[in-house]
Amino acid sequence: MSDRDGNSFVWFLAGLGLGALAGVLYAPRSGAETREVLRARAEEGRDYVRGRAREAREQAQGWADRGREVVNQQKEQFRAAYEAGRQAYHEATTEAGTTKNL
């Protein structure tokens, strides 16, 4: 991200904050009602963020599990290929009359 983009984002956040402040100051509700609405919205936001975090954690866990499965499959394929090569070498050297152990 370039410095110019970062500066634009800061100005955007400042404008967002000023807009929120102006909205609260000119709100048609009383202070107590406005605080209650803000508190309720903050709790909704908190619950939303917690839910999204839980979903992200579950998704990451699924990816990690799938990754472990793929690695284990690759290890098994490598072991099978190694054993097949070892067996073929053993058979080839036995047929030739020389036996060497691996």
PDB file of N, CA and C in Angstrom:
ATOM      1  N   MET A   1       0.857  -1.166   0.000  1.00  0.00           N
ATOM      2  CA  MET A   1       0.000   0.000   0.000  1.00  0.00           C
ATOM      3  C   MET A   1       0.896   1.218   0.000  1.00  0.00           C
ATOM      4  N   SER A   2       0.630   2.129  -0.876  1.00  0.00           N
ATOM      5  CA  SER A   2       1.461   3.321  -0.947  1.00  0.00           C
ATOM      6  C   SER A   2       1.083   4.286   0.162  1.00  0.00           C
ATOM      7  N   ASP A   3       1.949   5.264   0.389  1.00  0.00           N
ATOM      8  CA  ASP A   3       1.708   6.259   1.431  1.00  0.00           C
ATOM      9  C   ASP A   3       0.446   7.054   1.126  1.00  0.00           C
ATOM     10  N   ARG A   4       0.216   7.320  -0.138  1.00  0.00           N
ATOM     11  CA  ARG A   4      -0.962   8.097  -0.529  1.00  0.00           C
ATOM     12  C   ARG A   4      -2.250   7.338  -0.170  1.00  0.00           C
ATOM     13  N   ASP A   5      -2.275   6.029  -0.426  1.00  0.00           N
ATOM     14  CA  ASP A   5      -3.449   5.221  -0.086  1.00  0.00           C
ATOM     15  C   ASP A   5      -3.674   5.190   1.413  1.00  0.00           C
ATOM     16  N   GLY A   6      -2.613   5.093   2.188  1.00  0.00           N
ATOM     17  CA  GLY A   6      -2.726   5.083   3.648  1.00  0.00           C
ATOM     18  C   GLY A   6      -3.266   6.404   4.154  1.00  0.00           C
ATOM     19  N   ASN A   7      -2.805   7.503   3.570  1.00  0.00           N
ATOM     20  CA  ASN A   7      -3.265   8.820   3.965  1.00  0.00           C
ATOM     21  C   ASN A   7      -4.748   8.983   3.631  1.00  0.00           C
ATOM     22  N   SER A   8      -5.181   8.486   2.492  1.00  0.00           N
ATOM     23  CA  SER A   8      -6.588   8.554   2.108  1.00  0.00           C
ATOM     24  C   SER A   8      -7.449   7.776   3.084  1.00  0.00           C
ATOM     25  N   PHE A   9      -6.953   6.639   3.510  1.00  0.00           N
ATOM     26  CA  PHE A   9      -7.713   5.815   4.449  1.00  0.00           C
ATOM     27  C   PHE A   9      -7.857   6.528   5.798  1.00  0.00           C
ATOM     28  N   VAL A  10      -6.806   7.208   6.239  1.00  0.00           N
ATOM     29  CA  VAL A  10      -6.867   7.959   7.498  1.00  0.00           C
ATOM     30  C   VAL A  10      -7.912   9.059   7.385  1.00  0.00           C
ATOM     31  N   TRP A  11      -7.925   9.768   6.261  1.00  0.00           N
ATOM     32  CA  TRP A  11      -8.921  10.823   6.069  1.00  0.00           C
ATOM     33  C   TRP A  11     -10.333  10.241   6.014  1.00  0.00           C
ATOM     34  N   PHE A  12     -10.465   9.082   5.410  1.00  0.00           N
ATOM     35  CA  PHE A  12     -11.768   8.419   5.383  1.00  0.00           C
ATOM     36  C   PHE A  12     -12.242   8.109   6.795  1.00  0.00           C
ATOM     37  N   LEU A  13     -11.352   7.545   7.616  1.00  0.00           N
ATOM     38  CA  LEU A  13     -11.714   7.233   9.004  1.00  0.00           C
ATOM     39  C   LEU A  13     -12.042   8.488   9.795  1.00  0.00           C
ATOM     40  N   ALA A  14     -11.292   9.569   9.568  1.00  0.00           N
ATOM     41  CA  ALA A  14     -11.580  10.829  10.259  1.00  0.00           C
ATOM     42  C   ALA A  14     -12.958  11.343   9.861  1.00  0.00           C
ATOM     43  N   GLY A  15     -13.276  11.292   8.589  1.00  0.00           N
ATOM     44  CA  GLY A  15     -14.596  11.722   8.131  1.00  0.00           C
ATOM     45  C   GLY A  15     -15.706  10.861   8.679  1.00  0.00           C
ATOM     46  N   LEU A  16     -15.436   9.569   8.759  1.00  0.00           N
ATOM     47  CA  LEU A  16     -16.412   8.649   9.334  1.00  0.00           C
ATOM     48  C   LEU A  16     -16.674   8.985  10.795  1.00  0.00           C
ATOM     49  N   GLY A  17     -15.613   9.263  11.534  1.00  0.00           N
ATOM     50  CA  GLY A  17     -15.767   9.635  12.944  1.00  0.00           C
ATOM     51  C   GLY A  17     -16.522  10.941  13.108  1.00  0.00           C
ATOM     52  N   LEU A  18     -16.188  11.930  12.306  1.00  0.00           N
ATOM     53  CA  LEU A  18     -16.891  13.216  12.383  1.00  0.00           C
ATOM     54  C   LEU A  18     -18.360  13.063  12.007  1.00  0.00           C
ATOM     55  N   GLY A  19     -18.635  12.251  11.021  1.00  0.00           N
ATOM     56  CA  GLY A  19     -20.025  12.004  10.633  1.00  0.00           C
ATOM     57  C   GLY A  19     -20.802  11.326  11.735  1.00  0.00           C
ATOM     58  N   ALA A  20     -20.181  10.366  12.395  1.00  0.00           N
ATOM     59  CA  ALA A  20     -20.841   9.687  13.509  1.00  0.00           C
ATOM     60  C   ALA A  20     -21.095  10.660  14.648  1.00  0.00           C
ATOM     61  N   LEU A  21     -20.117  11.498  14.941  1.00  0.00           N
ATOM     62  CA  LEU A  21     -20.272  12.492  16.000  1.00  0.00           C
ATOM     63  C   LEU A  21     -21.409  13.461  15.676  1.00  0.00           C
ATOM     64  N   ALA A  22     -21.463  13.938  14.452  1.00  0.00           N
ATOM     65  CA  ALA A  22     -22.538  14.855  14.058  1.00  0.00           C
ATOM     66  C   ALA A  22     -23.889  14.162  14.134  1.00  0.00           C
ATOM     67  N   GLY A  23     -23.925  12.906  13.760  1.00  0.00           N
ATOM     68  CA  GLY A  23     -25.181  12.153  13.840  1.00  0.00           C
ATOM     69  C   GLY A  23     -25.667  11.996  15.261  1.00  0.00           C
ATOM     70  N   VAL A  24     -24.751  11.765  16.183  1.00  0.00           N
ATOM     71  CA  VAL A  24     -25.128  11.625  17.592  1.00  0.00           C
ATOM     72  C   VAL A  24     -25.589  12.963  18.152  1.00  0.00           C
ATOM     73  N   LEU A  25     -24.898  14.038  17.798  1.00  0.00           N
ATOM     74  CA  LEU A  25     -25.257  15.358  18.317  1.00  0.00           C
ATOM     75  C   LEU A  25     -26.624  15.825  17.821  1.00  0.00           C
ATOM     76  N   TYR A  26     -26.961  15.485  16.596  1.00  0.00           N
ATOM     77  CA  TYR A  26     -28.224  15.925  16.017  1.00  0.00           C
ATOM     78  C   TYR A  26     -29.273  14.815  15.992  1.00  0.00           C
ATOM     79  N   ALA A  27     -29.100  13.850  16.841  1.00  0.00           N
ATOM     80  CA  ALA A  27     -30.023  12.719  16.879  1.00  0.00           C
ATOM     81  C   ALA A  27     -31.388  13.169  17.404  1.00  0.00           C
ATOM     82  N   PRO A  28     -32.470  12.586  16.868  1.00  0.00           N
ATOM     83  CA  PRO A  28     -33.810  12.960  17.318  1.00  0.00           C
ATOM     84  C   PRO A  28     -34.188  12.339  18.661  1.00  0.00           C
ATOM     85  N   ARG A  29     -33.338  11.501  19.217  1.00  0.00           N
ATOM     86  CA  ARG A  29     -33.641  10.850  20.500  1.00  0.00           C
ATOM     87  C   ARG A  29     -32.933  11.568  21.633  1.00  0.00           C
ATOM     88  N   SER A  30     -33.371  11.235  22.857  1.00  0.00           N
ATOM     89  CA  SER A  30     -32.696  11.791  24.026  1.00  0.00           C
ATOM     90  C   SER A  30     -31.355  11.084  24.215  1.00  0.00           C
ATOM     91  N   GLY A  31     -30.544  11.631  25.077  1.00  0.00           N
ATOM     92  CA  GLY A  31     -29.224  11.052  25.325  1.00  0.00           C
ATOM     93  C   GLY A  31     -29.296   9.629  25.834  1.00  0.00           C
ATOM     94  N   ALA A  32     -30.219   9.357  26.762  1.00  0.00           N
ATOM     95  CA  ALA A  32     -30.354   8.008  27.322  1.00  0.00           C
ATOM     96  C   ALA A  32     -30.779   7.015  26.239  1.00  0.00           C
ATOM     97  N   GLU A  33     -31.746   7.437  25.407  1.00  0.00           N
ATOM     98  CA  GLU A  33     -32.193   6.554  24.335  1.00  0.00           C
ATOM     99  C   GLU A  33     -31.067   6.300  23.333  1.00  0.00           C
ATOM    100  N   THR A  34     -30.346   7.353  22.996  1.00  0.00           N
ATOM    101  CA  THR A  34     -29.243   7.213  22.048  1.00  0.00           C
ATOM    102  C   THR A  34     -28.174   6.294  22.597  1.00  0.00           C
ATOM    103  N   ARG A  35     -27.833   6.443  23.878  1.00  0.00           N
ATOM    104  CA  ARG A  35     -26.833   5.560  24.491  1.00  0.00           C
ATOM    105  C   ARG A  35     -27.308   4.115  24.485  1.00  0.00           C
ATOM    106  N   GLU A  36     -28.575   3.899  24.740  1.00  0.00           N
ATOM    107  CA  GLU A  36     -29.111   2.536  24.735  1.00  0.00           C
ATOM    108  C   GLU A  36     -29.047   1.927  23.330  1.00  0.00           C
ATOM    109  N   VAL A  37     -29.393   2.728  22.333  1.00  0.00           N
ATOM    110  CA  VAL A  37     -29.306   2.241  20.951  1.00  0.00           C
ATOM    111  C   VAL A  37     -27.864   1.940  20.583  1.00  0.00           C
ATOM    112  N   LEU A  38     -26.960   2.840  20.950  1.00  0.00           N
ATOM    113  CA  LEU A  38     -25.536   2.614  20.664  1.00  0.00           C
ATOM    114  C   LEU A  38     -25.021   1.369  21.377  1.00  0.00           C
ATOM    115  N   ARG A  39     -25.440   1.180  22.619  1.00  0.00           N
ATOM    116  CA  ARG A  39     -25.025  -0.005  23.379  1.00  0.00           C
ATOM    117  C   ARG A  39     -25.551  -1.276  22.705  1.00  0.00           C
ATOM    118  N   ALA A  40     -26.808  -1.243  22.279  1.00  0.00           N
ATOM    119  CA  ALA A  40     -27.384  -2.416  21.617  1.00  0.00           C
ATOM    120  C   ALA A  40     -26.658  -2.708  20.308  1.00  0.00           C
ATOM    121  N   ARG A  41     -26.375  -1.673  19.542  1.00  0.00           N
ATOM    122  CA  ARG A  41     -25.655  -1.867  18.277  1.00  0.00           C
ATOM    123  C   ARG A  41     -24.244  -2.386  18.533  1.00  0.00           C
ATOM    124  N   ALA A  42     -23.602  -1.889  19.573  1.00  0.00           N
ATOM    125  CA  ALA A  42     -22.251  -2.363  19.898  1.00  0.00           C
ATOM    126  C   ALA A  42     -22.284  -3.836  20.273  1.00  0.00           C
ATOM    127  N   GLU A  43     -23.310  -4.244  21.022  1.00  0.00           N
ATOM    128  CA  GLU A  43     -23.432  -5.665  21.380  1.00  0.00           C
ATOM    129  C   GLU A  43     -23.703  -6.518  20.151  1.00  0.00           C
ATOM    130  N   GLU A  44     -24.540  -6.004  19.242  1.00  0.00           N
ATOM    131  CA  GLU A  44     -24.781  -6.729  17.996  1.00  0.00           C
ATOM    132  C   GLU A  44     -23.485  -6.878  17.201  1.00  0.00           C
ATOM    133  N   GLY A  45     -22.726  -5.798  17.136  1.00  0.00           N
ATOM    134  CA  GLY A  45     -21.444  -5.844  16.431  1.00  0.00           C
ATOM    135  C   GLY A  45     -20.480  -6.822  17.074  1.00  0.00           C
ATOM    136  N   ARG A  46     -20.441  -6.817  18.393  1.00  0.00           N
ATOM    137  CA  ARG A  46     -19.566  -7.742  19.110  1.00  0.00           C
ATOM    138  C   ARG A  46     -19.972  -9.188  18.830  1.00  0.00           C
ATOM    139  N   ASP A  47     -21.274  -9.459  18.871  1.00  0.00           N
ATOM    140  CA  ASP A  47     -21.744 -10.816  18.594  1.00  0.00           C
ATOM    141  C   ASP A  47     -21.430 -11.229  17.159  1.00  0.00           C
ATOM    142  N   TYR A  48     -21.577 -10.283  16.236  1.00  0.00           N
ATOM    143  CA  TYR A  48     -21.272 -10.565  14.838  1.00  0.00           C
ATOM    144  C   TYR A  48     -19.794 -10.909  14.673  1.00  0.00           C
ATOM    145  N   VAL A  49     -18.936 -10.102  15.287  1.00  0.00           N
ATOM    146  CA  VAL A  49     -17.489 -10.333  15.174  1.00  0.00           C
ATOM    147  C   VAL A  49     -17.119 -11.666  15.812  1.00  0.00           C
ATOM    148  N   ARG A  50     -17.711 -11.973  16.943  1.00  0.00           N
ATOM    149  CA  ARG A  50     -17.430 -13.270  17.585  1.00  0.00           C
ATOM    150  C   ARG A  50     -17.851 -14.427  16.695  1.00  0.00           C
ATOM    151  N   GLY A  51     -19.023 -14.310  16.085  1.00  0.00           N
ATOM    152  CA  GLY A  51     -19.495 -15.366  15.187  1.00  0.00           C
ATOM    153  C   GLY A  51     -18.583 -15.539  13.990  1.00  0.00           C
ATOM    154  N   ARG A  52     -18.169 -14.420  13.392  1.00  0.00           N
ATOM    155  CA  ARG A  52     -17.272 -14.493  12.238  1.00  0.00           C
ATOM    156  C   ARG A  52     -15.916 -15.072  12.641  1.00  0.00           C
ATOM    157  N   ALA A  53     -15.443 -14.715  13.839  1.00  0.00           N
ATOM    158  CA  ALA A  53     -14.168 -15.256  14.316  1.00  0.00           C
ATOM    159  C   ALA A  53     -14.278 -16.766  14.520  1.00  0.00           C
ATOM    160  N   ARG A  54     -15.406 -17.207  15.061  1.00  0.00           N
ATOM    161  CA  ARG A  54     -15.622 -18.642  15.262  1.00  0.00           C
ATOM    162  C   ARG A  54     -15.655 -19.357  13.920  1.00  0.00           C
ATOM    163  N   GLU A  55     -16.361 -18.784  12.939  1.00  0.00           N
ATOM    164  CA  GLU A  55     -16.419 -19.382  11.615  1.00  0.00           C
ATOM    165  C   GLU A  55     -15.032 -19.445  10.978  1.00  0.00           C
ATOM    166  N   ALA A  56     -14.270 -18.375  11.119  1.00  0.00           N
ATOM    167  CA  ALA A  56     -12.915 -18.350  10.554  1.00  0.00           C
ATOM    168  C   ALA A  56     -12.034 -19.401  11.226  1.00  0.00           C
ATOM    169  N   ARG A  57     -12.169 -19.536  12.538  1.00  0.00           N
ATOM    170  CA  ARG A  57     -11.384 -20.532  13.269  1.00  0.00           C
ATOM    171  C   ARG A  57     -11.756 -21.940  12.807  1.00  0.00           C
ATOM    172  N   GLU A  58     -13.053 -22.203  12.630  1.00  0.00           N
ATOM    173  CA  GLU A  58     -13.486 -23.515  12.168  1.00  0.00           C
ATOM    174  C   GLU A  58     -12.991 -23.793  10.752  1.00  0.00           C
ATOM    175  N   GLN A  59     -13.030 -22.774   9.898  1.00  0.00           N
ATOM    176  CA  GLN A  59     -12.561 -22.938   8.532  1.00  0.00           C
ATOM    177  C   GLN A  59     -11.051 -23.207   8.518  1.00  0.00           C
ATOM    178  N   ALA A  60     -10.310 -22.470   9.319  1.00  0.00           N
ATOM    179  CA  ALA A  60      -8.860 -22.683   9.391  1.00  0.00           C
ATOM    180  C   ALA A  60      -8.553 -24.083   9.917  1.00  0.00           C
ATOM    181  N   GLN A  61      -9.328 -24.538  10.896  1.00  0.00           N
ATOM    182  CA  GLN A  61      -9.130 -25.888  11.425  1.00  0.00           C
ATOM    183  C   GLN A  61      -9.399 -26.926  10.339  1.00  0.00           C
ATOM    184  N   GLY A  62     -10.436 -26.700   9.551  1.00  0.00           N
ATOM    185  CA  GLY A  62     -10.734 -27.614   8.446  1.00  0.00           C
ATOM    186  C   GLY A  62      -9.607 -27.658   7.430  1.00  0.00           C
ATOM    187  N   TRP A  63      -9.058 -26.479   7.116  1.00  0.00           N
ATOM    188  CA  TRP A  63      -7.934 -26.427   6.174  1.00  0.00           C
ATOM    189  C   TRP A  63      -6.718 -27.157   6.747  1.00  0.00           C
ATOM    190  N   ALA A  64      -6.471 -26.969   8.034  1.00  0.00           N
ATOM    191  CA  ALA A  64      -5.328 -27.639   8.666  1.00  0.00           C
ATOM    192  C   ALA A  64      -5.521 -29.155   8.653  1.00  0.00           C
ATOM    193  N   ASP A  65      -6.739 -29.602   8.954  1.00  0.00           N
ATOM    194  CA  ASP A  65      -7.016 -31.040   8.931  1.00  0.00           C
ATOM    195  C   ASP A  65      -6.832 -31.610   7.533  1.00  0.00           C
ATOM    196  N   ARG A  66      -7.335 -30.883   6.541  1.00  0.00           N
ATOM    197  CA  ARG A  66      -7.190 -31.341   5.151  1.00  0.00           C
ATOM    198  C   ARG A  66      -5.713 -31.370   4.753  1.00  0.00           C
ATOM    199  N   GLY A  67      -4.958 -30.390   5.189  1.00  0.00           N
ATOM    200  CA  GLY A  67      -3.527 -30.364   4.906  1.00  0.00           C
ATOM    201  C   GLY A  67      -2.813 -31.551   5.514  1.00  0.00           C
ATOM    202  N   ARG A  68      -3.170 -31.893   6.754  1.00  0.00           N
ATOM    203  CA  ARG A  68      -2.572 -33.066   7.394  1.00  0.00           C
ATOM    204  C   ARG A  68      -2.911 -34.341   6.628  1.00  0.00           C
ATOM    205  N   GLU A  69      -4.152 -34.446   6.157  1.00  0.00           N
ATOM    206  CA  GLU A  69      -4.550 -35.623   5.384  1.00  0.00           C
ATOM    207  C   GLU A  69      -3.722 -35.734   4.107  1.00  0.00           C
ATOM    208  N   VAL A  70      -3.541 -34.622   3.417  1.00  0.00           N
ATOM    209  CA  VAL A  70      -2.768 -34.632   2.164  1.00  0.00           C
ATOM    210  C   VAL A  70      -1.322 -35.021   2.445  1.00  0.00           C
ATOM    211  N   VAL A  71      -0.736 -34.464   3.496  1.00  0.00           N
ATOM    212  CA  VAL A  71       0.652 -34.800   3.840  1.00  0.00           C
ATOM    213  C   VAL A  71       0.768 -36.282   4.177  1.00  0.00           C
ATOM    214  N   ASN A  72      -0.177 -36.804   4.938  1.00  0.00           N
ATOM    215  CA  ASN A  72      -0.131 -38.231   5.283  1.00  0.00           C
ATOM    216  C   ASN A  72      -0.284 -39.102   4.045  1.00  0.00           C
ATOM    217  N   GLN A  73      -1.152 -38.709   3.104  1.00  0.00           N
ATOM    218  CA  GLN A  73      -1.292 -39.468   1.863  1.00  0.00           C
ATOM    219  C   GLN A  73       0.016 -39.447   1.074  1.00  0.00           C
ATOM    220  N   GLN A  74       0.652 -38.282   1.018  1.00  0.00           N
ATOM    221  CA  GLN A  74       1.914 -38.173   0.289  1.00  0.00           C
ATOM    222  C   GLN A  74       2.989 -39.042   0.939  1.00  0.00           C
ATOM    223  N   LYS A  75       3.017 -39.049   2.268  1.00  0.00           N
ATOM    224  CA  LYS A  75       3.998 -39.883   2.972  1.00  0.00           C
ATOM    225  C   LYS A  75       3.769 -41.354   2.671  1.00  0.00           C
ATOM    226  N   GLU A  76       2.506 -41.766   2.662  1.00  0.00           N
ATOM    227  CA  GLU A  76       2.201 -43.166   2.376  1.00  0.00           C
ATOM    228  C   GLU A  76       2.588 -43.523   0.937  1.00  0.00           C
ATOM    229  N   GLN A  77       2.328 -42.632  -0.009  1.00  0.00           N
ATOM    230  CA  GLN A  77       2.715 -42.883  -1.388  1.00  0.00           C
ATOM    231  C   GLN A  77       4.232 -42.969  -1.524  1.00  0.00           C
ATOM    232  N   PHE A  78       4.943 -42.107  -0.813  1.00  0.00           N
ATOM    233  CA  PHE A  78       6.396 -42.140  -0.857  1.00  0.00           C
ATOM    234  C   PHE A  78       6.914 -43.453  -0.272  1.00  0.00           C
ATOM    235  N   ARG A  79       6.336 -43.864   0.860  1.00  0.00           N
ATOM    236  CA  ARG A  79       6.769 -45.132   1.469  1.00  0.00           C
ATOM    237  C   ARG A  79       6.515 -46.304   0.528  1.00  0.00           C
ATOM    238  N   ALA A  80       5.341 -46.309  -0.112  1.00  0.00           N
ATOM    239  CA  ALA A  80       5.006 -47.399  -1.027  1.00  0.00           C
ATOM    240  C   ALA A  80       5.973 -47.405  -2.210  1.00  0.00           C
ATOM    241  N   ALA A  81       6.272 -46.235  -2.751  1.00  0.00           N
ATOM    242  CA  ALA A  81       7.214 -46.154  -3.875  1.00  0.00           C
ATOM    243  C   ALA A  81       8.606 -46.600  -3.438  1.00  0.00           C
ATOM    244  N   TYR A  82       9.017 -46.195  -2.257  1.00  0.00           N
ATOM    245  CA  TYR A  82      10.332 -46.601  -1.740  1.00  0.00           C
ATOM    246  C   TYR A  82      10.401 -48.114  -1.585  1.00  0.00           C
ATOM    247  N   GLU A  83       9.376 -48.691  -0.989  1.00  0.00           N
ATOM    248  CA  GLU A  83       9.374 -50.145  -0.792  1.00  0.00           C
ATOM    249  C   GLU A  83       9.337 -50.880  -2.120  1.00  0.00           C
ATOM    250  N   ALA A  84       8.574 -50.354  -3.103  1.00  0.00           N
ATOM    251  CA  ALA A  84       8.531 -50.993  -4.423  1.00  0.00           C
ATOM    252  C   ALA A  84       9.908 -50.920  -5.083  1.00  0.00           C
ATOM    253  N   GLY A  85      10.556 -49.784  -4.988  1.00  0.00           N
ATOM    254  CA  GLY A  85      11.901 -49.653  -5.543  1.00  0.00           C
ATOM    255  C   GLY A  85      12.887 -50.560  -4.849  1.00  0.00           C
ATOM    256  N   ARG A  86      12.783 -50.642  -3.564  1.00  0.00           N
ATOM    257  CA  ARG A  86      13.678 -51.513  -2.784  1.00  0.00           C
ATOM    258  C   ARG A  86      13.472 -52.975  -3.176  1.00  0.00           C
ATOM    259  N   GLN A  87      12.199 -53.358  -3.303  1.00  0.00           N
ATOM    260  CA  GLN A  87      11.887 -54.732  -3.689  1.00  0.00           C
ATOM    261  C   GLN A  87      12.392 -55.027  -5.101  1.00  0.00           C
ATOM    262  N   ALA A  88      12.202 -54.089  -6.018  1.00  0.00           N
ATOM    263  CA  ALA A  88      12.673 -54.284  -7.397  1.00  0.00           C
ATOM    264  C   ALA A  88      14.194 -54.398  -7.429  1.00  0.00           C
ATOM    265  N   TYR A  89      14.880 -53.587  -6.645  1.00  0.00           N
ATOM    266  CA  TYR A  89      16.340 -53.655  -6.587  1.00  0.00           C
ATOM    267  C   TYR A  89      16.783 -55.003  -6.021  1.00  0.00           C
ATOM    268  N   HIS A  90      16.106 -55.435  -4.979  1.00  0.00           N
ATOM    269  CA  HIS A  90      16.453 -56.714  -4.362  1.00  0.00           C
ATOM    270  C   HIS A  90      16.252 -57.863  -5.354  1.00  0.00           C
ATOM    271  N   GLU A  91      15.130 -57.825  -6.084  1.00  0.00           N
ATOM    272  CA  GLU A  91      14.867 -58.876  -7.074  1.00  0.00           C
ATOM    273  C   GLU A  91      15.883 -58.823  -8.214  1.00  0.00           C
ATOM    274  N   ALA A  92      16.239 -57.620  -8.641  1.00  0.00           N
ATOM    275  CA  ALA A  92      17.197 -57.491  -9.738  1.00  0.00           C
ATOM    276  C   ALA A  92      18.579 -57.984  -9.334  1.00  0.00           C
ATOM    277  N   THR A  93      18.990 -57.679  -8.117  1.00  0.00           N
ATOM    278  CA  THR A  93      20.317 -58.121  -7.683  1.00  0.00           C
ATOM    279  C   THR A  93      20.318 -59.604  -7.376  1.00  0.00           C
ATOM    280  N   THR A  94      19.196 -60.158  -6.942  1.00  0.00           N
ATOM    281  CA  THR A  94      19.129 -61.593  -6.665  1.00  0.00           C
ATOM    282  C   THR A  94      19.207 -62.371  -7.972  1.00  0.00           C
ATOM    283  N   GLU A  95      18.533 -61.885  -8.994  1.00  0.00           N
ATOM    284  CA  GLU A  95      18.563 -62.552 -10.295  1.00  0.00           C
ATOM    285  C   GLU A  95      19.954 -62.506 -10.924  1.00  0.00           C
ATOM    286  N   ALA A  96      20.673 -61.427 -10.655  1.00  0.00           N
ATOM    287  CA  ALA A  96      22.014 -61.268 -11.216  1.00  0.00           C
ATOM    288  C   ALA A  96      23.026 -62.128 -10.465  1.00  0.00           C
ATOM    289  N   GLY A  97      22.660 -62.650  -9.321  1.00  0.00           N
ATOM    290  CA  GLY A  97      23.568 -63.512  -8.594  1.00  0.00           C
ATOM    291  C   GLY A  97      24.304 -62.809  -7.492  1.00  0.00           C
ATOM    292  N   THR A  98      24.146 -61.518  -7.352  1.00  0.00           N
ATOM    293  CA  THR A  98      24.798 -60.786  -6.265  1.00  0.00           C
ATOM    294  C   THR A  98      23.697 -60.255  -5.348  1.00  0.00           C
ATOM    295  N   THR A  99      23.883 -60.465  -4.087  1.00  0.00           N
ATOM    296  CA  THR A  99      22.887 -59.987  -3.127  1.00  0.00           C
ATOM    297  C   THR A  99      23.516 -58.925  -2.259  1.00  0.00           C
ATOM    298  N   LYS A 100      22.869 -57.826  -2.193  1.00  0.00           N
ATOM    299  CA  LYS A 100      23.278 -56.721  -1.317  1.00  0.00           C
ATOM    300  C   LYS A 100      22.063 -56.319  -0.499  1.00  0.00           C
ATOM    301  N   ASN A 101      22.240 -56.090   0.738  1.00  0.00           N
ATOM    302  CA  ASN A 101      21.141 -55.658   1.592  1.00  0.00           C
ATOM    303  C   ASN A 101      21.107 -54.133   1.660  1.00  0.00           C
ATOM    304  N   LEU A 102      19.894 -53.603   1.630  1.00  0.00           N
ATOM    305  CA  LEU A 102      19.728 -52.146   1.799  1.00  0.00           C
ATOM    306  C   LEU A 102      19.397 -51.848   3.220  1.00  0.00           C
TER     307      LEU A 102
END
